[in-house]
Amino acid sequence: MAFGEEQHKKSTFEKITLIVVVVMVLATIAGLILPAISAIM
């Protein structure tokens, strides 16, 4: 996504890629936080 790029309707591929990236980030955060929470409990 370059700056100044004209707004355009996201393609299905872009939506899927975005979702995959978000899921991976959440999974990484969960993997870091869950052990800490279980250790505190």
Protein backbone atom coordinates (compact mmCIF):
# COMPACT_ATOMS: atom_id res chain seq x y z
CA MET A 1 0.00 0.00 0.00
CA ALA A 2 1.84 3.05 -1.25
CA PHE A 3 1.10 6.48 0.10
CA GLY A 4 -1.07 8.61 -2.19
CA GLU A 5 -2.64 5.52 -3.70
CA GLU A 6 -6.17 6.15 -4.87
CA GLN A 7 -8.86 4.55 -2.75
CA HIS A 8 -10.16 1.44 -4.44
CA LYS A 9 -12.44 -1.40 -3.45
CA LYS A 10 -10.37 -4.07 -1.79
CA SER A 11 -10.21 -7.29 -3.75
CA THR A 12 -11.11 -10.59 -2.11
CA PHE A 13 -7.42 -11.53 -2.11
CA GLU A 14 -6.52 -8.34 -0.20
CA LYS A 15 -9.24 -9.00 2.37
CA ILE A 16 -8.05 -12.58 2.89
CA THR A 17 -4.44 -11.43 3.22
CA LEU A 18 -5.44 -8.78 5.76
CA ILE A 19 -7.43 -11.32 7.79
CA VAL A 20 -4.55 -13.81 7.75
CA VAL A 21 -2.10 -11.14 8.94
CA VAL A 22 -4.44 -10.07 11.77
CA VAL A 23 -4.99 -13.67 12.86
CA MET A 24 -1.22 -14.33 12.89
CA VAL A 25 -0.60 -11.20 14.96
CA LEU A 26 -3.32 -12.16 17.44
CA ALA A 27 -1.96 -15.71 17.65
CA THR A 28 1.53 -14.37 18.35
CA ILE A 29 0.26 -12.02 21.07
CA ALA A 30 -1.81 -14.80 22.62
CA GLY A 31 1.23 -17.09 22.58
CA LEU A 32 3.20 -14.48 24.50
CA ILE A 33 0.47 -13.44 26.94
CA LEU A 34 -1.24 -16.73 27.81
CA PRO A 35 1.82 -18.35 29.45
CA ALA A 36 2.32 -15.19 31.52
CA ILE A 37 -1.32 -15.19 32.63
CA SER A 38 -1.24 -18.89 33.51
CA ALA A 39 1.97 -18.33 35.46
CA ILE A 40 0.37 -15.51 37.45
CA MET A 41 -2.77 -17.51 38.14
